[in-house]
Amino acid sequence: MEHYHDTEETSKYNNALDLYPTPLTDEQVKSRTAQIVEKYVAENDTVEVKKQIFNCLDLTTLKTEDSEESVLKFTERVNDFDNEYPDLKGVAAICVYPNFAKIVSQSLEVESVNIACVSGGFPSSQTFTEVKVAETALALADGATEIDIVIPVGKFLVGDYEGMCDEIEEIKSICGDRHLKVILETGALKSADNIWKASILAMYSGADFIKTSTGKQEPAATPEAAYVMCQAIKAYHDKTGRKVGFKPAGGINSVNDALIYYTIVKEVLGKEWLTNELFRLGTSRLANLLLSDILGEEVKFF
């Protein structure tokens, strides 16, 4: 690890981290997260909150067996939802692999729904930076309006912050004013200290959102990781004035899971973060469960 600490560029990133010393131990994170969940989740268990969460969903299909036909059907359900439930706000985005950006772009009729593509060698992030940049540029050219990438976790873990940050900066420069969501893969980072540092470095490098997980590795999203990331977003905002969004993803299997993440964002970052400009949930399972709760009957729409 030490050999990364002697360049001017690397010291730039260490200096950035020094501005945001890790405030919490793993034990403190566990305790404070449990307190928030126990004290506040029940009060957010309302139909209005569930409608709000539904409007923050990145409706996701990232299956090996995805095809143009299956993604077209997936997109058409989002179009149909707008017609069948005109009184409900729809999802925030459809999230697909980059090669499906064009089919979604050509078939999506709902202007308020974004087209998110996972890019940059998702989910492992193990490929050439040039390939990551090209993949991102192709997805954007085909109609993607948001990009989700994974940090090179291996580089981060050996202390190559320059390599990690340069890559994020390069991909953000391709995205321009379109949202770049940076996935930390918190299950691989393991400690609160690592999650905090990766959050700060990702935001410092231009991330518009920081996101917990790909959903392809266990553990995926956890309330503890969410708490650390939201605290990092708060510290970064307090110092820079820049609002970075938060997206839990992976393993969000129940309405109660979603309510926990909503509550953590509300308690740490405040109500102004509870819009789909700053809060998303990546999930394929949750939409029907939320709809069922909102409408008071079992719904299998998506």
C-alpha atoms as a PDB file:
ATOM      1  CA  MET A   1       0.000   0.000   0.000  1.00  0.00           C
ATOM      2  CA  GLU A   2       2.802   2.423   0.860  1.00  0.00           C
ATOM      3  CA  HIS A   3       4.121   2.750  -2.684  1.00  0.00           C
ATOM      4  CA  TYR A   4       0.983   4.671  -3.646  1.00  0.00           C
ATOM      5  CA  HIS A   5       1.659   7.394  -1.082  1.00  0.00           C
ATOM      6  CA  ASP A   6       4.617   9.138  -2.623  1.00  0.00           C
ATOM      7  CA  THR A   7       3.152  10.923  -5.639  1.00  0.00           C
ATOM      8  CA  GLU A   8       1.719  14.417  -5.714  1.00  0.00           C
ATOM      9  CA  GLU A   9      -1.558  13.123  -7.147  1.00  0.00           C
ATOM     10  CA  THR A  10      -1.963  10.530  -4.408  1.00  0.00           C
ATOM     11  CA  SER A  11      -1.280  13.063  -1.682  1.00  0.00           C
ATOM     12  CA  LYS A  12      -4.068  15.177  -3.226  1.00  0.00           C
ATOM     13  CA  TYR A  13      -6.539  12.377  -2.482  1.00  0.00           C
ATOM     14  CA  ASN A  14      -5.125  11.720   0.976  1.00  0.00           C
ATOM     15  CA  ASN A  15      -5.441  15.445   1.691  1.00  0.00           C
ATOM     16  CA  ALA A  16      -9.079  15.289   0.595  1.00  0.00           C
ATOM     17  CA  LEU A  17      -9.675  12.408   2.999  1.00  0.00           C
ATOM     18  CA  ASP A  18      -7.937  14.331   5.776  1.00  0.00           C
ATOM     19  CA  LEU A  19     -10.633  17.008   5.454  1.00  0.00           C
ATOM     20  CA  TYR A  20     -13.227  14.343   6.327  1.00  0.00           C
ATOM     21  CA  PRO A  21     -11.851  12.092   9.084  1.00  0.00           C
ATOM     22  CA  THR A  22     -13.948   8.965   9.629  1.00  0.00           C
ATOM     23  CA  PRO A  23     -16.206   9.851  12.548  1.00  0.00           C
ATOM     24  CA  LEU A  24     -17.615   6.435  13.491  1.00  0.00           C
ATOM     25  CA  THR A  25     -16.541   2.949  14.444  1.00  0.00           C
ATOM     26  CA  ASP A  26     -18.389  -0.110  13.181  1.00  0.00           C
ATOM     27  CA  GLU A  27     -19.946  -0.561  16.632  1.00  0.00           C
ATOM     28  CA  GLN A  28     -21.202   3.049  16.725  1.00  0.00           C
ATOM     29  CA  VAL A  29     -22.675   2.697  13.247  1.00  0.00           C
ATOM     30  CA  LYS A  30     -24.521  -0.466  14.227  1.00  0.00           C
ATOM     31  CA  SER A  31     -25.898   1.129  17.393  1.00  0.00           C
ATOM     32  CA  ARG A  32     -26.991   4.417  15.795  1.00  0.00           C
ATOM     33  CA  THR A  33     -28.576   2.690  12.801  1.00  0.00           C
ATOM     34  CA  ALA A  34     -30.548   0.395  15.116  1.00  0.00           C
ATOM     35  CA  GLN A  35     -31.730   3.426  17.122  1.00  0.00           C
ATOM     36  CA  ILE A  36     -33.024   5.188  13.990  1.00  0.00           C
ATOM     37  CA  VAL A  37     -34.805   2.062  12.767  1.00  0.00           C
ATOM     38  CA  GLU A  38     -36.412   1.369  16.132  1.00  0.00           C
ATOM     39  CA  LYS A  39     -37.459   4.960  16.784  1.00  0.00           C
ATOM     40  CA  TYR A  40     -38.626   6.280  13.410  1.00  0.00           C
ATOM     41  CA  VAL A  41     -39.506   3.596  10.832  1.00  0.00           C
ATOM     42  CA  ALA A  42     -43.037   2.995  12.175  1.00  0.00           C
ATOM     43  CA  GLU A  43     -44.033   6.652  11.706  1.00  0.00           C
ATOM     44  CA  ASN A  44     -43.072   6.473   8.025  1.00  0.00           C
ATOM     45  CA  ASP A  45     -45.226   3.416   7.356  1.00  0.00           C
ATOM     46  CA  THR A  46     -47.916   5.377   5.496  1.00  0.00           C
ATOM     47  CA  VAL A  47     -49.470   5.272   2.036  1.00  0.00           C
ATOM     48  CA  GLU A  48     -48.076   8.729   1.225  1.00  0.00           C
ATOM     49  CA  VAL A  49     -44.521   7.664   2.041  1.00  0.00           C
ATOM     50  CA  LYS A  50     -44.934   4.506  -0.045  1.00  0.00           C
ATOM     51  CA  LYS A  51     -46.089   6.629  -2.989  1.00  0.00           C
ATOM     52  CA  GLN A  52     -43.005   8.776  -2.523  1.00  0.00           C
ATOM     53  CA  ILE A  53     -40.725   5.729  -2.430  1.00  0.00           C
ATOM     54  CA  PHE A  54     -42.389   4.312  -5.571  1.00  0.00           C
ATOM     55  CA  ASN A  55     -41.551   7.567  -7.374  1.00  0.00           C
ATOM     56  CA  CYS A  56     -37.893   7.079  -6.350  1.00  0.00           C
ATOM     57  CA  LEU A  57     -37.524   3.569  -7.821  1.00  0.00           C
ATOM     58  CA  ASP A  58     -34.964   2.695 -10.468  1.00  0.00           C
ATOM     59  CA  LEU A  59     -36.961  -0.217 -11.916  1.00  0.00           C
ATOM     60  CA  THR A  60     -34.226  -2.647 -12.813  1.00  0.00           C
ATOM     61  CA  THR A  61     -33.702  -5.629 -15.085  1.00  0.00           C
ATOM     62  CA  LEU A  62     -30.119  -6.904 -15.114  1.00  0.00           C
ATOM     63  CA  LYS A  63     -30.491 -10.564 -15.976  1.00  0.00           C
ATOM     64  CA  THR A  64     -28.136 -12.684 -18.046  1.00  0.00           C
ATOM     65  CA  GLU A  65     -31.153 -13.735 -20.110  1.00  0.00           C
ATOM     66  CA  ASP A  66     -32.388 -10.183 -20.878  1.00  0.00           C
ATOM     67  CA  SER A  67     -33.184  -9.690 -24.572  1.00  0.00           C
ATOM     68  CA  GLU A  68     -34.525  -6.879 -26.732  1.00  0.00           C
ATOM     69  CA  GLU A  69     -37.932  -8.551 -26.517  1.00  0.00           C
ATOM     70  CA  SER A  70     -37.947  -8.832 -22.718  1.00  0.00           C
ATOM     71  CA  VAL A  71     -36.636  -5.279 -22.241  1.00  0.00           C
ATOM     72  CA  LEU A  72     -39.254  -3.957 -24.673  1.00  0.00           C
ATOM     73  CA  LYS A  73     -42.011  -5.651 -22.622  1.00  0.00           C
ATOM     74  CA  PHE A  74     -40.466  -4.256 -19.444  1.00  0.00           C
ATOM     75  CA  THR A  75     -40.520  -0.742 -20.903  1.00  0.00           C
ATOM     76  CA  GLU A  76     -44.071  -1.118 -22.179  1.00  0.00           C
ATOM     77  CA  ARG A  77     -45.238  -1.916 -18.644  1.00  0.00           C
ATOM     78  CA  VAL A  78     -43.863   1.468 -17.557  1.00  0.00           C
ATOM     79  CA  ASN A  79     -45.775   3.108 -20.428  1.00  0.00           C
ATOM     80  CA  ASP A  80     -48.929   1.201 -19.464  1.00  0.00           C
ATOM     81  CA  PHE A  81     -48.587   2.208 -15.811  1.00  0.00           C
ATOM     82  CA  ASP A  82     -48.793   5.861 -16.758  1.00  0.00           C
ATOM     83  CA  ASN A  83     -52.076   5.175 -18.543  1.00  0.00           C
ATOM     84  CA  GLU A  84     -53.609   2.788 -16.006  1.00  0.00           C
ATOM     85  CA  TYR A  85     -52.684   4.714 -12.840  1.00  0.00           C
ATOM     86  CA  PRO A  86     -52.808   8.389 -13.877  1.00  0.00           C
ATOM     87  CA  ASP A  87     -53.191   9.511 -10.245  1.00  0.00           C
ATOM     88  CA  LEU A  88     -49.897   7.902  -9.162  1.00  0.00           C
ATOM     89  CA  LYS A  89     -46.436   9.203  -9.985  1.00  0.00           C
ATOM     90  CA  GLY A  90     -44.471   6.549 -11.848  1.00  0.00           C
ATOM     91  CA  VAL A  91     -40.980   5.204 -11.251  1.00  0.00           C
ATOM     92  CA  ALA A  92     -37.912   7.454 -11.529  1.00  0.00           C
ATOM     93  CA  ALA A  93     -35.975   5.396 -14.068  1.00  0.00           C
ATOM     94  CA  ILE A  94     -35.656   2.151 -15.976  1.00  0.00           C
ATOM     95  CA  CYS A  95     -32.225   0.599 -15.357  1.00  0.00           C
ATOM     96  CA  VAL A  96     -30.793  -1.799 -17.972  1.00  0.00           C
ATOM     97  CA  TYR A  97     -27.539  -3.005 -19.499  1.00  0.00           C
ATOM     98  CA  PRO A  98     -25.984  -0.504 -21.965  1.00  0.00           C
ATOM     99  CA  ASN A  99     -26.808  -2.550 -25.063  1.00  0.00           C
ATOM    100  CA  PHE A 100     -30.510  -2.021 -24.314  1.00  0.00           C
ATOM    101  CA  ALA A 101     -30.395   1.778 -24.059  1.00  0.00           C
ATOM    102  CA  LYS A 102     -31.591   2.153 -27.653  1.00  0.00           C
ATOM    103  CA  ILE A 103     -34.633  -0.137 -27.328  1.00  0.00           C
ATOM    104  CA  VAL A 104     -35.707   1.646 -24.128  1.00  0.00           C
ATOM    105  CA  SER A 105     -35.097   5.063 -25.679  1.00  0.00           C
ATOM    106  CA  GLN A 106     -37.130   4.169 -28.767  1.00  0.00           C
ATOM    107  CA  SER A 107     -40.068   2.685 -26.844  1.00  0.00           C
ATOM    108  CA  LEU A 108     -40.319   4.714 -23.609  1.00  0.00           C
ATOM    109  CA  GLU A 109     -43.189   7.208 -23.819  1.00  0.00           C
ATOM    110  CA  VAL A 110     -43.138   8.666 -20.297  1.00  0.00           C
ATOM    111  CA  GLU A 111     -41.029  11.831 -20.233  1.00  0.00           C
ATOM    112  CA  SER A 112     -40.533  11.844 -16.475  1.00  0.00           C
ATOM    113  CA  VAL A 113     -38.808   8.422 -16.501  1.00  0.00           C
ATOM    114  CA  ASN A 114     -35.040   8.388 -16.941  1.00  0.00           C
ATOM    115  CA  ILE A 115     -33.034   5.735 -18.778  1.00  0.00           C
ATOM    116  CA  ALA A 116     -30.245   4.455 -16.539  1.00  0.00           C
ATOM    117  CA  CYS A 117     -27.542   2.116 -17.802  1.00  0.00           C
ATOM    118  CA  VAL A 118     -25.018   0.164 -15.771  1.00  0.00           C
ATOM    119  CA  SER A 119     -21.653   0.724 -17.399  1.00  0.00           C
ATOM    120  CA  GLY A 120     -17.916   0.538 -16.874  1.00  0.00           C
ATOM    121  CA  GLY A 121     -17.520  -3.231 -16.811  1.00  0.00           C
ATOM    122  CA  PHE A 122     -20.462  -3.789 -14.465  1.00  0.00           C
ATOM    123  CA  PRO A 123     -20.606  -5.553 -12.028  1.00  0.00           C
ATOM    124  CA  SER A 124     -16.899  -6.284 -11.370  1.00  0.00           C
ATOM    125  CA  SER A 125     -15.424  -3.100 -12.893  1.00  0.00           C
ATOM    126  CA  GLN A 126     -12.540  -5.289 -14.039  1.00  0.00           C
ATOM    127  CA  THR A 127     -11.722  -4.058 -17.514  1.00  0.00           C
ATOM    128  CA  PHE A 128      -9.670  -1.346 -19.221  1.00  0.00           C
ATOM    129  CA  THR A 129     -10.547   2.269 -18.439  1.00  0.00           C
ATOM    130  CA  GLU A 130     -10.746   2.868 -22.205  1.00  0.00           C
ATOM    131  CA  VAL A 131     -13.423   0.159 -22.466  1.00  0.00           C
ATOM    132  CA  LYS A 132     -15.363   1.714 -19.564  1.00  0.00           C
ATOM    133  CA  VAL A 133     -15.281   5.126 -21.225  1.00  0.00           C
ATOM    134  CA  ALA A 134     -16.291   3.713 -24.627  1.00  0.00           C
ATOM    135  CA  GLU A 135     -19.144   1.682 -23.120  1.00  0.00           C
ATOM    136  CA  THR A 136     -20.433   4.777 -21.314  1.00  0.00           C
ATOM    137  CA  ALA A 137     -20.211   6.938 -24.442  1.00  0.00           C
ATOM    138  CA  LEU A 138     -22.078   4.301 -26.485  1.00  0.00           C
ATOM    139  CA  ALA A 139     -24.839   4.023 -23.872  1.00  0.00           C
ATOM    140  CA  LEU A 140     -25.269   7.805 -23.794  1.00  0.00           C
ATOM    141  CA  ALA A 141     -25.309   7.981 -27.597  1.00  0.00           C
ATOM    142  CA  ASP A 142     -28.062   5.346 -27.619  1.00  0.00           C
ATOM    143  CA  GLY A 143     -30.246   7.385 -25.265  1.00  0.00           C
ATOM    144  CA  ALA A 144     -29.127   6.704 -21.689  1.00  0.00           C
ATOM    145  CA  THR A 145     -29.779   9.711 -19.455  1.00  0.00           C
ATOM    146  CA  GLU A 146     -28.043   8.293 -16.366  1.00  0.00           C
ATOM    147  CA  ILE A 147     -25.019   6.042 -15.866  1.00  0.00           C
ATOM    148  CA  ASP A 148     -24.326   3.674 -12.943  1.00  0.00           C
ATOM    149  CA  ILE A 149     -20.709   2.481 -12.550  1.00  0.00           C
ATOM    150  CA  VAL A 150     -18.816   0.455  -9.940  1.00  0.00           C
ATOM    151  CA  ILE A 151     -15.607   1.756  -8.392  1.00  0.00           C
ATOM    152  CA  PRO A 152     -12.537  -0.384  -9.073  1.00  0.00           C
ATOM    153  CA  VAL A 153     -12.742  -1.952  -5.618  1.00  0.00           C
ATOM    154  CA  GLY A 154      -9.356  -3.655  -5.902  1.00  0.00           C
ATOM    155  CA  LYS A 155      -7.617  -0.328  -6.562  1.00  0.00           C
ATOM    156  CA  PHE A 156      -9.334   1.259  -3.580  1.00  0.00           C
ATOM    157  CA  LEU A 157      -8.446  -1.585  -1.226  1.00  0.00           C
ATOM    158  CA  VAL A 158      -4.711  -1.408  -2.047  1.00  0.00           C
ATOM    159  CA  GLY A 159      -4.699   2.374  -1.608  1.00  0.00           C
ATOM    160  CA  ASP A 160      -4.549   3.309  -5.303  1.00  0.00           C
ATOM    161  CA  TYR A 161      -6.907   6.248  -4.795  1.00  0.00           C
ATOM    162  CA  GLU A 162      -5.463   8.039  -7.811  1.00  0.00           C
ATOM    163  CA  GLY A 163      -6.357   5.153 -10.119  1.00  0.00           C
ATOM    164  CA  MET A 164      -9.872   4.946  -8.703  1.00  0.00           C
ATOM    165  CA  CYS A 165     -10.549   8.676  -8.801  1.00  0.00           C
ATOM    166  CA  ASP A 166      -9.048   9.288 -12.235  1.00  0.00           C
ATOM    167  CA  GLU A 167     -11.414   6.689 -13.655  1.00  0.00           C
ATOM    168  CA  ILE A 168     -14.503   8.249 -12.046  1.00  0.00           C
ATOM    169  CA  GLU A 169     -13.445  11.721 -13.238  1.00  0.00           C
ATOM    170  CA  GLU A 170     -12.922  10.477 -16.791  1.00  0.00           C
ATOM    171  CA  ILE A 171     -16.324   8.778 -16.937  1.00  0.00           C
ATOM    172  CA  LYS A 172     -18.025  11.811 -15.380  1.00  0.00           C
ATOM    173  CA  SER A 173     -16.477  14.022 -18.059  1.00  0.00           C
ATOM    174  CA  ILE A 174     -18.191  11.837 -20.701  1.00  0.00           C
ATOM    175  CA  CYS A 175     -21.520  12.075 -18.826  1.00  0.00           C
ATOM    176  CA  GLY A 176     -21.442  15.872 -18.650  1.00  0.00           C
ATOM    177  CA  ASP A 177     -24.611  17.083 -16.964  1.00  0.00           C
ATOM    178  CA  ARG A 178     -26.186  13.609 -16.969  1.00  0.00           C
ATOM    179  CA  HIS A 179     -26.213  11.868 -13.585  1.00  0.00           C
ATOM    180  CA  LEU A 180     -23.338   9.556 -12.740  1.00  0.00           C
ATOM    181  CA  LYS A 181     -24.173   7.115  -9.944  1.00  0.00           C
ATOM    182  CA  VAL A 182     -21.089   5.528  -8.405  1.00  0.00           C
ATOM    183  CA  ILE A 183     -21.500   2.103  -6.794  1.00  0.00           C
ATOM    184  CA  LEU A 184     -19.176   1.385  -3.862  1.00  0.00           C
ATOM    185  CA  GLU A 185     -19.975  -2.351  -3.538  1.00  0.00           C
ATOM    186  CA  THR A 186     -20.107  -1.898   0.212  1.00  0.00           C
ATOM    187  CA  GLY A 187     -20.172  -5.648   0.924  1.00  0.00           C
ATOM    188  CA  ALA A 188     -16.634  -5.882  -0.467  1.00  0.00           C
ATOM    189  CA  LEU A 189     -15.447  -2.824   1.503  1.00  0.00           C
ATOM    190  CA  LYS A 190     -16.534  -4.445   4.783  1.00  0.00           C
ATOM    191  CA  SER A 191     -15.725  -1.667   7.313  1.00  0.00           C
ATOM    192  CA  ALA A 192     -17.372   1.676   8.098  1.00  0.00           C
ATOM    193  CA  ASP A 193     -13.958   3.301   7.616  1.00  0.00           C
ATOM    194  CA  ASN A 194     -13.620   1.962   4.074  1.00  0.00           C
ATOM    195  CA  ILE A 195     -17.209   2.848   3.153  1.00  0.00           C
ATOM    196  CA  TRP A 196     -16.680   6.382   4.458  1.00  0.00           C
ATOM    197  CA  LYS A 197     -13.422   6.886   2.527  1.00  0.00           C
ATOM    198  CA  ALA A 198     -14.827   5.442  -0.704  1.00  0.00           C
ATOM    199  CA  SER A 199     -17.889   7.709  -0.355  1.00  0.00           C
ATOM    200  CA  ILE A 200     -15.742  10.832   0.081  1.00  0.00           C
ATOM    201  CA  LEU A 201     -13.422   9.946  -2.817  1.00  0.00           C
ATOM    202  CA  ALA A 202     -16.336   9.162  -5.156  1.00  0.00           C
ATOM    203  CA  MET A 203     -18.024  12.498  -4.378  1.00  0.00           C
ATOM    204  CA  TYR A 204     -14.701  14.345  -4.650  1.00  0.00           C
ATOM    205  CA  SER A 205     -14.282  12.814  -8.134  1.00  0.00           C
ATOM    206  CA  GLY A 206     -17.660  14.034  -9.391  1.00  0.00           C
ATOM    207  CA  ALA A 207     -20.267  11.409  -8.436  1.00  0.00           C
ATOM    208  CA  ASP A 208     -23.809  12.806  -8.584  1.00  0.00           C
ATOM    209  CA  PHE A 209     -25.060   9.843  -6.528  1.00  0.00           C
ATOM    210  CA  ILE A 210     -23.315   7.265  -4.418  1.00  0.00           C
ATOM    211  CA  LYS A 211     -24.881   3.816  -4.459  1.00  0.00           C
ATOM    212  CA  THR A 212     -24.408   0.863  -2.130  1.00  0.00           C
ATOM    213  CA  SER A 213     -24.208  -2.241  -4.258  1.00  0.00           C
ATOM    214  CA  THR A 214     -24.569  -4.027  -7.579  1.00  0.00           C
ATOM    215  CA  GLY A 215     -26.875  -6.671  -6.140  1.00  0.00           C
ATOM    216  CA  LYS A 216     -24.483  -9.246  -7.611  1.00  0.00           C
ATOM    217  CA  GLN A 217     -22.389  -9.678  -4.447  1.00  0.00           C
ATOM    218  CA  GLU A 218     -23.327 -10.543  -0.858  1.00  0.00           C
ATOM    219  CA  PRO A 219     -23.912  -8.756   1.371  1.00  0.00           C
ATOM    220  CA  ALA A 220     -25.651  -6.187  -0.821  1.00  0.00           C
ATOM    221  CA  ALA A 221     -27.222  -3.034   0.650  1.00  0.00           C
ATOM    222  CA  THR A 222     -27.341  -2.839   4.452  1.00  0.00           C
ATOM    223  CA  PRO A 223     -28.832  -0.147   6.708  1.00  0.00           C
ATOM    224  CA  GLU A 224     -25.404   0.280   8.341  1.00  0.00           C
ATOM    225  CA  ALA A 225     -23.695   1.007   5.013  1.00  0.00           C
ATOM    226  CA  ALA A 226     -26.523   3.416   4.164  1.00  0.00           C
ATOM    227  CA  TYR A 227     -26.034   5.247   7.463  1.00  0.00           C
ATOM    228  CA  VAL A 228     -22.291   5.711   6.835  1.00  0.00           C
ATOM    229  CA  MET A 229     -22.863   6.877   3.258  1.00  0.00           C
ATOM    230  CA  CYS A 230     -25.557   9.367   4.277  1.00  0.00           C
ATOM    231  CA  GLN A 231     -23.282  10.758   7.006  1.00  0.00           C
ATOM    232  CA  ALA A 232     -20.534  11.169   4.382  1.00  0.00           C
ATOM    233  CA  ILE A 233     -22.961  12.950   2.021  1.00  0.00           C
ATOM    234  CA  LYS A 234     -23.929  15.279   4.869  1.00  0.00           C
ATOM    235  CA  ALA A 235     -20.299  16.061   5.768  1.00  0.00           C
ATOM    236  CA  TYR A 236     -19.459  16.666   2.104  1.00  0.00           C
ATOM    237  CA  HIS A 237     -22.475  18.940   1.630  1.00  0.00           C
ATOM    238  CA  ASP A 238     -21.673  20.892   4.800  1.00  0.00           C
ATOM    239  CA  LYS A 239     -18.173  21.610   3.486  1.00  0.00           C
ATOM    240  CA  THR A 240     -18.830  22.120  -0.242  1.00  0.00           C
ATOM    241  CA  GLY A 241     -22.516  23.056  -0.592  1.00  0.00           C
ATOM    242  CA  ARG A 242     -22.915  20.313  -3.226  1.00  0.00           C
ATOM    243  CA  LYS A 243     -25.818  17.908  -2.789  1.00  0.00           C
ATOM    244  CA  VAL A 244     -24.985  14.340  -3.750  1.00  0.00           C
ATOM    245  CA  GLY A 245     -27.763  11.764  -4.026  1.00  0.00           C
ATOM    246  CA  PHE A 246     -27.978   8.375  -2.317  1.00  0.00           C
ATOM    247  CA  LYS A 247     -29.109   5.066  -3.814  1.00  0.00           C
ATOM    248  CA  PRO A 248     -29.409   1.798  -1.916  1.00  0.00           C
ATOM    249  CA  ALA A 249     -29.604  -1.209  -4.239  1.00  0.00           C
ATOM    250  CA  GLY A 250     -29.385  -4.965  -3.985  1.00  0.00           C
ATOM    251  CA  GLY A 251     -31.312  -7.087  -1.527  1.00  0.00           C
ATOM    252  CA  ILE A 252     -34.207  -4.645  -1.070  1.00  0.00           C
ATOM    253  CA  ASN A 253     -36.852  -7.330  -0.895  1.00  0.00           C
ATOM    254  CA  SER A 254     -39.655  -5.878   1.207  1.00  0.00           C
ATOM    255  CA  VAL A 255     -41.569  -2.667   1.763  1.00  0.00           C
ATOM    256  CA  ASN A 256     -40.090  -2.560   5.268  1.00  0.00           C
ATOM    257  CA  ASP A 257     -36.559  -2.643   3.788  1.00  0.00           C
ATOM    258  CA  ALA A 258     -37.467   0.387   1.666  1.00  0.00           C
ATOM    259  CA  LEU A 259     -38.966   2.187   4.667  1.00  0.00           C
ATOM    260  CA  ILE A 260     -35.721   1.650   6.594  1.00  0.00           C
ATOM    261  CA  TYR A 261     -33.648   3.320   3.858  1.00  0.00           C
ATOM    262  CA  TYR A 262     -36.168   6.140   3.501  1.00  0.00           C
ATOM    263  CA  THR A 263     -36.010   6.704   7.258  1.00  0.00           C
ATOM    264  CA  ILE A 264     -32.198   6.762   7.371  1.00  0.00           C
ATOM    265  CA  VAL A 265     -32.109   9.360   4.580  1.00  0.00           C
ATOM    266  CA  LYS A 266     -34.781  11.442   6.310  1.00  0.00           C
ATOM    267  CA  GLU A 267     -33.077  11.369   9.722  1.00  0.00           C
ATOM    268  CA  VAL A 268     -29.487  11.922   8.530  1.00  0.00           C
ATOM    269  CA  LEU A 269     -29.933  14.151   5.479  1.00  0.00           C
ATOM    270  CA  GLY A 270     -33.366  15.681   5.984  1.00  0.00           C
ATOM    271  CA  LYS A 271     -36.591  15.891   3.999  1.00  0.00           C
ATOM    272  CA  GLU A 272     -35.005  17.853   1.144  1.00  0.00           C
ATOM    273  CA  TRP A 273     -33.213  14.632   0.099  1.00  0.00           C
ATOM    274  CA  LEU A 274     -36.486  12.711  -0.213  1.00  0.00           C
ATOM    275  CA  THR A 275     -37.114  13.426  -3.899  1.00  0.00           C
ATOM    276  CA  ASN A 276     -36.032  11.328  -6.852  1.00  0.00           C
ATOM    277  CA  GLU A 277     -33.458  13.976  -7.718  1.00  0.00           C
ATOM    278  CA  LEU A 278     -31.480  12.920  -4.624  1.00  0.00           C
ATOM    279  CA  PHE A 279     -32.871   9.554  -3.520  1.00  0.00           C
ATOM    280  CA  ARG A 280     -33.281   6.373  -5.549  1.00  0.00           C
ATOM    281  CA  LEU A 281     -33.758   2.705  -4.751  1.00  0.00           C
ATOM    282  CA  GLY A 282     -32.509   0.101  -7.193  1.00  0.00           C
ATOM    283  CA  THR A 283     -34.820  -2.892  -7.249  1.00  0.00           C
ATOM    284  CA  SER A 284     -36.769  -5.261  -9.450  1.00  0.00           C
ATOM    285  CA  ARG A 285     -38.972  -6.805  -6.737  1.00  0.00           C
ATOM    286  CA  LEU A 286     -40.227  -3.817  -4.815  1.00  0.00           C
ATOM    287  CA  ALA A 287     -42.534  -2.105  -7.316  1.00  0.00           C
ATOM    288  CA  ASN A 288     -45.384  -4.646  -7.068  1.00  0.00           C
ATOM    289  CA  LEU A 289     -45.077  -4.874  -3.274  1.00  0.00           C
ATOM    290  CA  LEU A 290     -45.331  -1.095  -2.909  1.00  0.00           C
ATOM    291  CA  LEU A 291     -48.245  -0.915  -5.342  1.00  0.00           C
ATOM    292  CA  SER A 292     -50.063  -3.628  -3.402  1.00  0.00           C
ATOM    293  CA  ASP A 293     -49.681  -1.660  -0.171  1.00  0.00           C
ATOM    294  CA  ILE A 294     -50.667   1.638  -1.821  1.00  0.00           C
ATOM    295  CA  LEU A 295     -53.789   0.193  -3.472  1.00  0.00           C
ATOM    296  CA  GLY A 296     -54.755  -2.135  -0.626  1.00  0.00           C
ATOM    297  CA  GLU A 297     -54.883  -5.268  -2.786  1.00  0.00           C
ATOM    298  CA  GLU A 298     -52.377  -7.660  -4.330  1.00  0.00           C
ATOM    299  CA  VAL A 299     -50.987  -6.189  -7.543  1.00  0.00           C
ATOM    300  CA  LYS A 300     -48.668  -7.913 -10.030  1.00  0.00           C
ATOM    301  CA  PHE A 301     -48.299  -5.158 -12.582  1.00  0.00           C
ATOM    302  CA  PHE A 302     -44.569  -5.256 -13.349  1.00  0.00           C
END
